[in-house]
Amino acid sequence: MTEPASVSADERLRLFLALRLPDDVLEEIERWQRTHLRNVRVVPREHLHVTLAFLGHRPAGELAAHVGAVRDVAAGAGEIRLTPVRYSETRGVGMLVLEDEGGRAALLAAVARWRERPRLRPEPPPRRTFVPSDAAAFLSQLQPGGAVYRVLESVALGANVGGE
């Protein structure tokens, strides 16, 4: 578990909960982006994640309760195994849709963002199952160049607790 970032209890934070990805998976997604997502602004490596829940603007005082809930679920989740199966787009976001063995996770989001939907149809990255590194509460700060994400606190997943 990482220590929480310093914020005042009454400050409102734009929060989401997500799974973080191991380095080898991040490298593979970066290669895939360079090959298949040309002419769009791709999300930087440090922002790639599997979104579990977008919480919106919440009082900072609620952070501990949200992280506690994630910690409780993560401790008993077992090994989360995800496999990319296809690419999908919404109006402003491209994402990889994942097969979630045993239903233990959600969709990988934020592969690419743009102002106008490019309507790409790339093949997904090589079909290789991976295990997320941990779960985290992220702060999303809107900047002129796009959102910047910062991990406020992370927790080990059930299979990763105590070095298992």
N, C-alpha and C. Protein backbone atom coordinates (compact mmCIF):
# COMPACT_ATOMS: atom_id res chain seq x y z
N MET A 1 0.85 -1.17 0.00
CA MET A 1 0.00 0.00 0.00
C MET A 1 0.89 1.23 0.00
N THR A 2 0.52 2.24 -0.78
CA THR A 2 1.25 3.50 -0.74
C THR A 2 0.55 4.43 0.24
N GLU A 3 1.28 5.38 0.74
CA GLU A 3 0.70 6.36 1.65
C GLU A 3 -0.13 7.36 0.86
N PRO A 4 -1.24 7.85 1.41
CA PRO A 4 -2.07 8.80 0.68
C PRO A 4 -1.35 10.12 0.48
N ALA A 5 -1.68 10.78 -0.65
CA ALA A 5 -1.15 12.11 -0.90
C ALA A 5 -1.77 13.08 0.09
N SER A 6 -1.15 14.21 0.29
CA SER A 6 -1.62 15.19 1.26
C SER A 6 -2.68 16.11 0.64
N VAL A 7 -3.90 16.04 1.16
CA VAL A 7 -4.99 16.91 0.72
C VAL A 7 -5.82 17.26 1.95
N SER A 8 -6.48 18.42 1.92
CA SER A 8 -7.32 18.79 3.06
C SER A 8 -8.67 18.07 2.94
N ALA A 9 -9.28 17.77 4.08
CA ALA A 9 -10.51 16.96 4.12
C ALA A 9 -11.68 17.60 3.40
N ASP A 10 -11.74 18.94 3.34
CA ASP A 10 -12.88 19.60 2.70
C ASP A 10 -12.62 19.92 1.23
N GLU A 11 -11.40 19.67 0.74
CA GLU A 11 -11.09 19.90 -0.67
C GLU A 11 -11.88 18.92 -1.52
N ARG A 12 -12.39 19.37 -2.68
CA ARG A 12 -13.12 18.47 -3.59
C ARG A 12 -12.15 17.95 -4.63
N LEU A 13 -12.15 16.64 -4.79
CA LEU A 13 -11.23 15.97 -5.70
C LEU A 13 -12.00 15.26 -6.80
N ARG A 14 -11.48 15.28 -8.00
CA ARG A 14 -12.05 14.52 -9.12
C ARG A 14 -11.38 13.15 -9.09
N LEU A 15 -12.12 12.13 -8.65
CA LEU A 15 -11.53 10.83 -8.34
C LEU A 15 -12.04 9.72 -9.24
N PHE A 16 -11.18 8.72 -9.46
CA PHE A 16 -11.61 7.46 -10.04
C PHE A 16 -10.77 6.35 -9.44
N LEU A 17 -11.30 5.15 -9.48
CA LEU A 17 -10.61 3.96 -8.98
C LEU A 17 -10.22 3.11 -10.18
N ALA A 18 -9.00 2.56 -10.15
CA ALA A 18 -8.50 1.84 -11.32
C ALA A 18 -7.48 0.78 -10.92
N LEU A 19 -7.25 -0.14 -11.84
CA LEU A 19 -6.16 -1.10 -11.70
C LEU A 19 -4.96 -0.55 -12.46
N ARG A 20 -3.79 -0.67 -11.87
CA ARG A 20 -2.58 -0.26 -12.56
C ARG A 20 -1.99 -1.46 -13.29
N LEU A 21 -1.21 -1.17 -14.32
CA LEU A 21 -0.69 -2.21 -15.19
C LEU A 21 0.80 -2.42 -14.98
N PRO A 22 1.25 -3.67 -15.10
CA PRO A 22 2.68 -3.95 -14.96
C PRO A 22 3.47 -3.36 -16.14
N ASP A 23 4.77 -3.13 -15.92
CA ASP A 23 5.62 -2.48 -16.92
C ASP A 23 5.61 -3.18 -18.27
N ASP A 24 5.66 -4.51 -18.29
CA ASP A 24 5.72 -5.20 -19.58
C ASP A 24 4.43 -4.98 -20.38
N VAL A 25 3.29 -4.89 -19.71
CA VAL A 25 2.02 -4.62 -20.39
C VAL A 25 1.99 -3.18 -20.90
N LEU A 26 2.49 -2.24 -20.10
CA LEU A 26 2.56 -0.85 -20.53
C LEU A 26 3.43 -0.71 -21.78
N GLU A 27 4.55 -1.39 -21.81
CA GLU A 27 5.43 -1.35 -22.98
C GLU A 27 4.73 -1.91 -24.21
N GLU A 28 4.01 -3.00 -24.04
CA GLU A 28 3.29 -3.61 -25.16
C GLU A 28 2.20 -2.69 -25.69
N ILE A 29 1.47 -2.04 -24.80
CA ILE A 29 0.41 -1.12 -25.23
C ILE A 29 1.01 0.10 -25.93
N GLU A 30 2.12 0.60 -25.43
CA GLU A 30 2.78 1.73 -26.10
C GLU A 30 3.18 1.35 -27.54
N ARG A 31 3.76 0.18 -27.72
CA ARG A 31 4.13 -0.27 -29.08
C ARG A 31 2.89 -0.37 -29.96
N TRP A 32 1.82 -0.93 -29.41
CA TRP A 32 0.57 -1.07 -30.15
C TRP A 32 0.02 0.30 -30.55
N GLN A 33 0.05 1.25 -29.62
CA GLN A 33 -0.44 2.60 -29.92
C GLN A 33 0.35 3.21 -31.09
N ARG A 34 1.68 3.11 -31.04
CA ARG A 34 2.51 3.71 -32.09
C ARG A 34 2.19 3.09 -33.46
N THR A 35 1.87 1.81 -33.48
CA THR A 35 1.59 1.11 -34.73
C THR A 35 0.18 1.36 -35.24
N HIS A 36 -0.81 1.36 -34.36
CA HIS A 36 -2.21 1.35 -34.78
C HIS A 36 -2.98 2.65 -34.54
N LEU A 37 -2.49 3.53 -33.71
CA LEU A 37 -3.26 4.74 -33.39
C LEU A 37 -2.52 5.99 -33.89
N ARG A 38 -2.27 6.01 -35.17
CA ARG A 38 -1.59 7.15 -35.77
C ARG A 38 -2.57 8.31 -35.89
N ASN A 39 -2.05 9.52 -35.86
CA ASN A 39 -2.82 10.75 -36.07
C ASN A 39 -3.85 11.02 -34.97
N VAL A 40 -3.68 10.42 -33.80
CA VAL A 40 -4.49 10.77 -32.65
C VAL A 40 -3.55 10.99 -31.48
N ARG A 41 -3.99 11.76 -30.52
CA ARG A 41 -3.19 12.02 -29.33
C ARG A 41 -3.42 10.86 -28.36
N VAL A 42 -2.41 10.01 -28.22
CA VAL A 42 -2.55 8.86 -27.33
C VAL A 42 -2.25 9.27 -25.90
N VAL A 43 -2.82 8.52 -24.99
CA VAL A 43 -2.62 8.76 -23.57
C VAL A 43 -1.22 8.30 -23.19
N PRO A 44 -0.48 9.12 -22.45
CA PRO A 44 0.87 8.72 -22.05
C PRO A 44 0.86 7.48 -21.16
N ARG A 45 1.96 6.77 -21.19
CA ARG A 45 2.15 5.54 -20.44
C ARG A 45 1.70 5.66 -18.98
N GLU A 46 2.08 6.75 -18.32
CA GLU A 46 1.77 6.90 -16.89
C GLU A 46 0.28 7.06 -16.62
N HIS A 47 -0.53 7.24 -17.66
CA HIS A 47 -1.98 7.38 -17.48
C HIS A 47 -2.77 6.15 -17.91
N LEU A 48 -2.11 5.14 -18.45
CA LEU A 48 -2.81 3.92 -18.86
C LEU A 48 -3.22 3.13 -17.62
N HIS A 49 -4.45 2.65 -17.60
CA HIS A 49 -4.99 1.97 -16.43
C HIS A 49 -6.26 1.22 -16.83
N VAL A 50 -6.79 0.42 -15.93
CA VAL A 50 -8.09 -0.24 -16.11
C VAL A 50 -9.05 0.45 -15.15
N THR A 51 -9.99 1.21 -15.70
CA THR A 51 -10.93 1.95 -14.87
C THR A 51 -11.92 0.99 -14.19
N LEU A 52 -12.06 1.14 -12.88
CA LEU A 52 -13.06 0.38 -12.14
C LEU A 52 -14.30 1.21 -11.92
N ALA A 53 -14.11 2.48 -11.49
CA ALA A 53 -15.25 3.36 -11.22
C ALA A 53 -14.79 4.81 -11.27
N PHE A 54 -15.56 5.64 -11.96
CA PHE A 54 -15.33 7.08 -11.93
C PHE A 54 -16.23 7.66 -10.85
N LEU A 55 -15.63 8.29 -9.85
CA LEU A 55 -16.39 8.79 -8.70
C LEU A 55 -16.80 10.24 -8.85
N GLY A 56 -16.18 10.96 -9.76
CA GLY A 56 -16.51 12.37 -9.97
C GLY A 56 -15.90 13.24 -8.88
N HIS A 57 -16.45 14.44 -8.71
CA HIS A 57 -15.96 15.37 -7.70
C HIS A 57 -16.49 14.97 -6.33
N ARG A 58 -15.58 14.57 -5.46
CA ARG A 58 -15.94 14.09 -4.14
C ARG A 58 -15.13 14.84 -3.09
N PRO A 59 -15.67 15.03 -1.89
CA PRO A 59 -14.89 15.65 -0.82
C PRO A 59 -13.68 14.77 -0.49
N ALA A 60 -12.53 15.39 -0.29
CA ALA A 60 -11.31 14.64 0.02
C ALA A 60 -11.49 13.78 1.27
N GLY A 61 -12.35 14.20 2.18
CA GLY A 61 -12.60 13.44 3.38
C GLY A 61 -13.18 12.06 3.11
N GLU A 62 -13.74 11.82 1.92
CA GLU A 62 -14.30 10.52 1.56
C GLU A 62 -13.24 9.56 1.03
N LEU A 63 -12.04 10.06 0.73
CA LEU A 63 -11.02 9.24 0.10
C LEU A 63 -10.73 7.98 0.90
N ALA A 64 -10.55 8.11 2.20
CA ALA A 64 -10.21 6.94 3.03
C ALA A 64 -11.29 5.85 2.93
N ALA A 65 -12.55 6.24 2.90
CA ALA A 65 -13.64 5.26 2.80
C ALA A 65 -13.60 4.54 1.45
N HIS A 66 -13.34 5.30 0.37
CA HIS A 66 -13.27 4.68 -0.96
C HIS A 66 -12.09 3.72 -1.04
N VAL A 67 -10.93 4.16 -0.55
CA VAL A 67 -9.75 3.30 -0.58
C VAL A 67 -9.97 2.08 0.32
N GLY A 68 -10.62 2.27 1.45
CA GLY A 68 -10.92 1.14 2.33
C GLY A 68 -11.80 0.12 1.65
N ALA A 69 -12.79 0.59 0.91
CA ALA A 69 -13.67 -0.33 0.18
C ALA A 69 -12.89 -1.09 -0.87
N VAL A 70 -11.99 -0.39 -1.59
CA VAL A 70 -11.15 -1.06 -2.59
C VAL A 70 -10.24 -2.07 -1.91
N ARG A 71 -9.66 -1.69 -0.78
CA ARG A 71 -8.76 -2.59 -0.04
C ARG A 71 -9.50 -3.87 0.36
N ASP A 72 -10.72 -3.72 0.86
CA ASP A 72 -11.50 -4.88 1.30
C ASP A 72 -11.78 -5.83 0.14
N VAL A 73 -12.19 -5.27 -0.98
CA VAL A 73 -12.52 -6.10 -2.14
C VAL A 73 -11.24 -6.69 -2.74
N ALA A 74 -10.18 -5.86 -2.85
CA ALA A 74 -8.92 -6.31 -3.47
C ALA A 74 -8.29 -7.45 -2.69
N ALA A 75 -8.40 -7.43 -1.38
CA ALA A 75 -7.77 -8.47 -0.56
C ALA A 75 -8.33 -9.85 -0.87
N GLY A 76 -9.60 -9.91 -1.23
CA GLY A 76 -10.22 -11.21 -1.50
C GLY A 76 -10.46 -11.48 -2.97
N ALA A 77 -9.95 -10.61 -3.83
CA ALA A 77 -10.25 -10.75 -5.26
C ALA A 77 -9.56 -11.92 -5.92
N GLY A 78 -8.48 -12.37 -5.37
CA GLY A 78 -7.70 -13.40 -6.06
C GLY A 78 -6.96 -12.77 -7.22
N GLU A 79 -6.42 -13.61 -8.08
CA GLU A 79 -5.64 -13.11 -9.21
C GLU A 79 -6.58 -12.61 -10.30
N ILE A 80 -6.43 -11.35 -10.67
CA ILE A 80 -7.21 -10.77 -11.77
C ILE A 80 -6.43 -11.03 -13.04
N ARG A 81 -7.09 -11.68 -14.01
CA ARG A 81 -6.45 -12.01 -15.28
C ARG A 81 -7.25 -11.38 -16.40
N LEU A 82 -6.58 -10.49 -17.16
CA LEU A 82 -7.23 -9.73 -18.22
C LEU A 82 -6.56 -10.02 -19.56
N THR A 83 -7.37 -10.09 -20.62
CA THR A 83 -6.86 -10.34 -21.96
C THR A 83 -7.54 -9.37 -22.93
N PRO A 84 -6.78 -8.56 -23.71
CA PRO A 84 -7.40 -7.67 -24.68
C PRO A 84 -8.08 -8.47 -25.79
N VAL A 85 -9.34 -8.12 -26.11
CA VAL A 85 -10.08 -8.84 -27.14
C VAL A 85 -10.48 -7.96 -28.32
N ARG A 86 -10.63 -6.65 -28.10
CA ARG A 86 -10.97 -5.77 -29.22
C ARG A 86 -10.76 -4.32 -28.82
N TYR A 87 -10.81 -3.45 -29.81
CA TYR A 87 -10.71 -2.01 -29.63
C TYR A 87 -12.11 -1.43 -29.77
N SER A 88 -12.41 -0.39 -29.00
CA SER A 88 -13.72 0.27 -29.06
C SER A 88 -13.54 1.77 -28.91
N GLU A 89 -14.50 2.54 -29.43
CA GLU A 89 -14.47 4.00 -29.30
C GLU A 89 -15.79 4.53 -28.78
N THR A 90 -15.71 5.60 -28.01
CA THR A 90 -16.86 6.43 -27.70
C THR A 90 -16.62 7.75 -28.43
N ARG A 91 -17.41 8.76 -28.15
CA ARG A 91 -17.25 10.05 -28.81
C ARG A 91 -15.86 10.62 -28.62
N GLY A 92 -15.29 10.49 -27.43
CA GLY A 92 -14.01 11.12 -27.16
C GLY A 92 -12.91 10.22 -26.64
N VAL A 93 -13.17 8.93 -26.52
CA VAL A 93 -12.17 8.04 -25.93
C VAL A 93 -12.09 6.74 -26.72
N GLY A 94 -10.87 6.26 -26.93
CA GLY A 94 -10.65 4.93 -27.48
C GLY A 94 -10.19 4.03 -26.36
N MET A 95 -10.52 2.75 -26.43
CA MET A 95 -10.15 1.85 -25.34
C MET A 95 -9.99 0.44 -25.85
N LEU A 96 -9.28 -0.34 -25.08
CA LEU A 96 -9.22 -1.77 -25.32
C LEU A 96 -10.25 -2.43 -24.43
N VAL A 97 -11.04 -3.31 -25.01
CA VAL A 97 -12.02 -4.07 -24.24
C VAL A 97 -11.32 -5.36 -23.83
N LEU A 98 -11.47 -5.71 -22.58
CA LEU A 98 -10.76 -6.85 -22.03
C LEU A 98 -11.69 -7.99 -21.67
N GLU A 99 -11.20 -9.19 -21.87
CA GLU A 99 -11.87 -10.37 -21.31
C GLU A 99 -11.38 -10.47 -19.87
N ASP A 100 -12.30 -10.64 -18.97
CA ASP A 100 -11.98 -10.68 -17.55
C ASP A 100 -12.26 -12.08 -17.03
N GLU A 101 -11.21 -12.91 -16.96
CA GLU A 101 -11.38 -14.29 -16.49
C GLU A 101 -11.96 -14.29 -15.08
N GLY A 102 -13.07 -14.92 -14.89
CA GLY A 102 -13.70 -15.02 -13.58
C GLY A 102 -14.44 -13.76 -13.15
N GLY A 103 -14.56 -12.76 -14.02
CA GLY A 103 -15.32 -11.55 -13.71
C GLY A 103 -14.72 -10.71 -12.60
N ARG A 104 -13.41 -10.63 -12.49
CA ARG A 104 -12.77 -9.94 -11.36
C ARG A 104 -12.31 -8.52 -11.67
N ALA A 105 -12.57 -8.00 -12.80
CA ALA A 105 -12.13 -6.63 -13.11
C ALA A 105 -13.09 -5.94 -14.07
N ALA A 106 -12.68 -4.88 -14.70
CA ALA A 106 -13.54 -4.11 -15.61
C ALA A 106 -12.82 -3.87 -16.93
N LEU A 107 -13.19 -2.85 -17.63
CA LEU A 107 -12.62 -2.57 -18.94
C LEU A 107 -11.37 -1.70 -18.84
N LEU A 108 -10.42 -1.97 -19.71
CA LEU A 108 -9.25 -1.10 -19.82
C LEU A 108 -9.70 0.14 -20.60
N ALA A 109 -9.47 1.31 -20.01
CA ALA A 109 -9.92 2.54 -20.65
C ALA A 109 -8.74 3.47 -20.92
N ALA A 110 -9.03 4.53 -21.61
CA ALA A 110 -8.09 5.63 -21.82
C ALA A 110 -6.88 5.26 -22.67
N VAL A 111 -7.08 4.44 -23.72
CA VAL A 111 -5.95 4.18 -24.62
C VAL A 111 -5.67 5.41 -25.46
N ALA A 112 -6.69 6.10 -25.91
CA ALA A 112 -6.48 7.31 -26.71
C ALA A 112 -7.62 8.29 -26.45
N ARG A 113 -7.31 9.57 -26.54
CA ARG A 113 -8.32 10.61 -26.41
C ARG A 113 -8.16 11.59 -27.57
N TRP A 114 -9.28 12.16 -28.02
CA TRP A 114 -9.23 13.10 -29.14
C TRP A 114 -10.43 14.01 -29.10
N ARG A 115 -10.36 15.07 -29.88
CA ARG A 115 -11.48 16.02 -29.97
C ARG A 115 -12.54 15.52 -30.96
N GLU A 116 -12.12 14.92 -32.05
CA GLU A 116 -13.05 14.40 -33.04
C GLU A 116 -12.77 12.90 -33.22
N ARG A 117 -13.79 12.11 -33.11
CA ARG A 117 -13.65 10.65 -33.19
C ARG A 117 -13.06 10.24 -34.54
N PRO A 118 -11.90 9.54 -34.54
CA PRO A 118 -11.27 9.17 -35.80
C PRO A 118 -11.84 7.93 -36.48
N ARG A 119 -12.67 7.18 -35.77
CA ARG A 119 -13.30 5.96 -36.30
C ARG A 119 -12.27 4.94 -36.79
N LEU A 120 -11.29 4.69 -35.95
CA LEU A 120 -10.26 3.69 -36.24
C LEU A 120 -10.83 2.29 -36.03
N ARG A 121 -10.24 1.31 -36.66
CA ARG A 121 -10.65 -0.08 -36.49
C ARG A 121 -9.41 -0.99 -36.38
N PRO A 122 -8.50 -0.66 -35.47
CA PRO A 122 -7.29 -1.48 -35.37
C PRO A 122 -7.57 -2.84 -34.71
N GLU A 123 -6.71 -3.78 -35.03
CA GLU A 123 -6.72 -5.06 -34.33
C GLU A 123 -6.22 -4.80 -32.92
N PRO A 124 -6.70 -5.54 -31.92
CA PRO A 124 -6.18 -5.34 -30.56
C PRO A 124 -4.74 -5.82 -30.47
N PRO A 125 -4.05 -5.45 -29.38
CA PRO A 125 -2.69 -5.96 -29.19
C PRO A 125 -2.72 -7.49 -29.15
N PRO A 126 -1.55 -8.11 -29.22
CA PRO A 126 -1.52 -9.58 -29.16
C PRO A 126 -2.32 -10.09 -27.97
N ARG A 127 -3.07 -11.14 -28.20
CA ARG A 127 -3.93 -11.71 -27.15
C ARG A 127 -3.06 -12.45 -26.14
N ARG A 128 -2.74 -11.74 -25.07
CA ARG A 128 -1.90 -12.27 -24.01
C ARG A 128 -2.52 -11.87 -22.69
N THR A 129 -2.79 -12.83 -21.86
CA THR A 129 -3.39 -12.57 -20.56
C THR A 129 -2.36 -11.94 -19.65
N PHE A 130 -2.79 -10.96 -18.85
CA PHE A 130 -1.89 -10.30 -17.90
C PHE A 130 -2.58 -10.11 -16.57
N VAL A 131 -1.79 -9.84 -15.55
CA VAL A 131 -2.28 -9.64 -14.19
C VAL A 131 -1.97 -8.21 -13.79
N PRO A 132 -2.99 -7.40 -13.38
CA PRO A 132 -2.72 -6.03 -12.94
C PRO A 132 -1.78 -6.01 -11.73
N SER A 133 -1.03 -4.91 -11.59
CA SER A 133 -0.06 -4.83 -10.50
C SER A 133 -0.71 -4.50 -9.16
N ASP A 134 -1.71 -3.62 -9.13
CA ASP A 134 -2.40 -3.25 -7.90
C ASP A 134 -3.64 -2.45 -8.25
N ALA A 135 -4.40 -2.06 -7.24
CA ALA A 135 -5.57 -1.20 -7.43
C ALA A 135 -5.25 0.14 -6.78
N ALA A 136 -5.83 1.22 -7.31
CA ALA A 136 -5.47 2.54 -6.80
C ALA A 136 -6.63 3.51 -6.89
N ALA A 137 -6.59 4.52 -6.01
CA ALA A 137 -7.48 5.69 -6.12
C ALA A 137 -6.65 6.77 -6.79
N PHE A 138 -7.17 7.30 -7.89
CA PHE A 138 -6.48 8.32 -8.67
C PHE A 138 -7.17 9.67 -8.51
N LEU A 139 -6.37 10.72 -8.51
CA LEU A 139 -6.86 12.09 -8.62
C LEU A 139 -6.74 12.45 -10.08
N SER A 140 -7.80 12.98 -10.68
CA SER A 140 -7.79 13.43 -12.06
C SER A 140 -7.88 14.95 -12.05
N GLN A 141 -6.82 15.62 -12.49
CA GLN A 141 -6.79 17.08 -12.52
C GLN A 141 -6.86 17.55 -13.96
N LEU A 142 -7.88 18.34 -14.28
CA LEU A 142 -8.04 18.83 -15.64
C LEU A 142 -7.04 19.94 -15.90
N GLN A 143 -6.30 19.81 -17.01
CA GLN A 143 -5.29 20.78 -17.44
C GLN A 143 -5.63 21.17 -18.88
N PRO A 144 -5.07 22.29 -19.39
CA PRO A 144 -5.35 22.67 -20.78
C PRO A 144 -4.99 21.58 -21.79
N GLY A 145 -3.95 20.78 -21.53
CA GLY A 145 -3.54 19.72 -22.44
C GLY A 145 -4.24 18.40 -22.21
N GLY A 146 -5.19 18.34 -21.30
CA GLY A 146 -5.89 17.09 -20.97
C GLY A 146 -5.76 16.78 -19.49
N ALA A 147 -6.42 15.74 -19.06
CA ALA A 147 -6.40 15.36 -17.65
C ALA A 147 -5.03 14.82 -17.27
N VAL A 148 -4.61 15.11 -16.04
CA VAL A 148 -3.39 14.55 -15.47
C VAL A 148 -3.82 13.71 -14.28
N TYR A 149 -3.34 12.46 -14.23
CA TYR A 149 -3.73 11.53 -13.18
C TYR A 149 -2.59 11.38 -12.18
N ARG A 150 -2.98 11.28 -10.89
CA ARG A 150 -2.00 11.08 -9.83
C ARG A 150 -2.57 10.04 -8.87
N VAL A 151 -1.76 9.05 -8.54
CA VAL A 151 -2.18 8.02 -7.59
C VAL A 151 -2.19 8.64 -6.20
N LEU A 152 -3.34 8.59 -5.53
CA LEU A 152 -3.44 9.08 -4.16
C LEU A 152 -3.11 7.98 -3.17
N GLU A 153 -3.56 6.77 -3.47
CA GLU A 153 -3.25 5.63 -2.61
C GLU A 153 -3.47 4.36 -3.42
N SER A 154 -2.61 3.37 -3.21
CA SER A 154 -2.79 2.10 -3.90
C SER A 154 -2.81 0.97 -2.89
N VAL A 155 -3.44 -0.13 -3.30
CA VAL A 155 -3.53 -1.31 -2.44
C VAL A 155 -3.18 -2.54 -3.26
N ALA A 156 -2.61 -3.52 -2.59
CA ALA A 156 -2.27 -4.78 -3.25
C ALA A 156 -3.54 -5.56 -3.55
N LEU A 157 -3.50 -6.32 -4.63
CA LEU A 157 -4.61 -7.21 -4.96
C LEU A 157 -4.45 -8.51 -4.19
N GLY A 158 -5.51 -9.25 -4.03
CA GLY A 158 -5.49 -10.47 -3.22
C GLY A 158 -4.33 -11.40 -3.50
N ALA A 159 -4.04 -11.66 -4.76
CA ALA A 159 -2.95 -12.58 -5.11
C ALA A 159 -1.59 -11.97 -4.85
N ASN A 160 -1.52 -10.64 -4.67
CA ASN A 160 -0.25 -9.96 -4.48
C ASN A 160 -0.01 -9.55 -3.04
N VAL A 161 -0.94 -9.84 -2.15
CA VAL A 161 -0.80 -9.45 -0.75
C VAL A 161 0.28 -10.30 -0.10
N GLY A 162 1.19 -9.64 0.60
CA GLY A 162 2.23 -10.35 1.34
C GLY A 162 3.20 -11.10 0.45
N GLY A 163 3.37 -10.63 -0.81
CA GLY A 163 4.35 -11.24 -1.70
C GLY A 163 3.95 -12.59 -2.25
N GLU A 164 2.65 -12.92 -2.19
CA GLU A 164 2.19 -14.23 -2.71
C GLU A 164 2.33 -14.26 -4.20
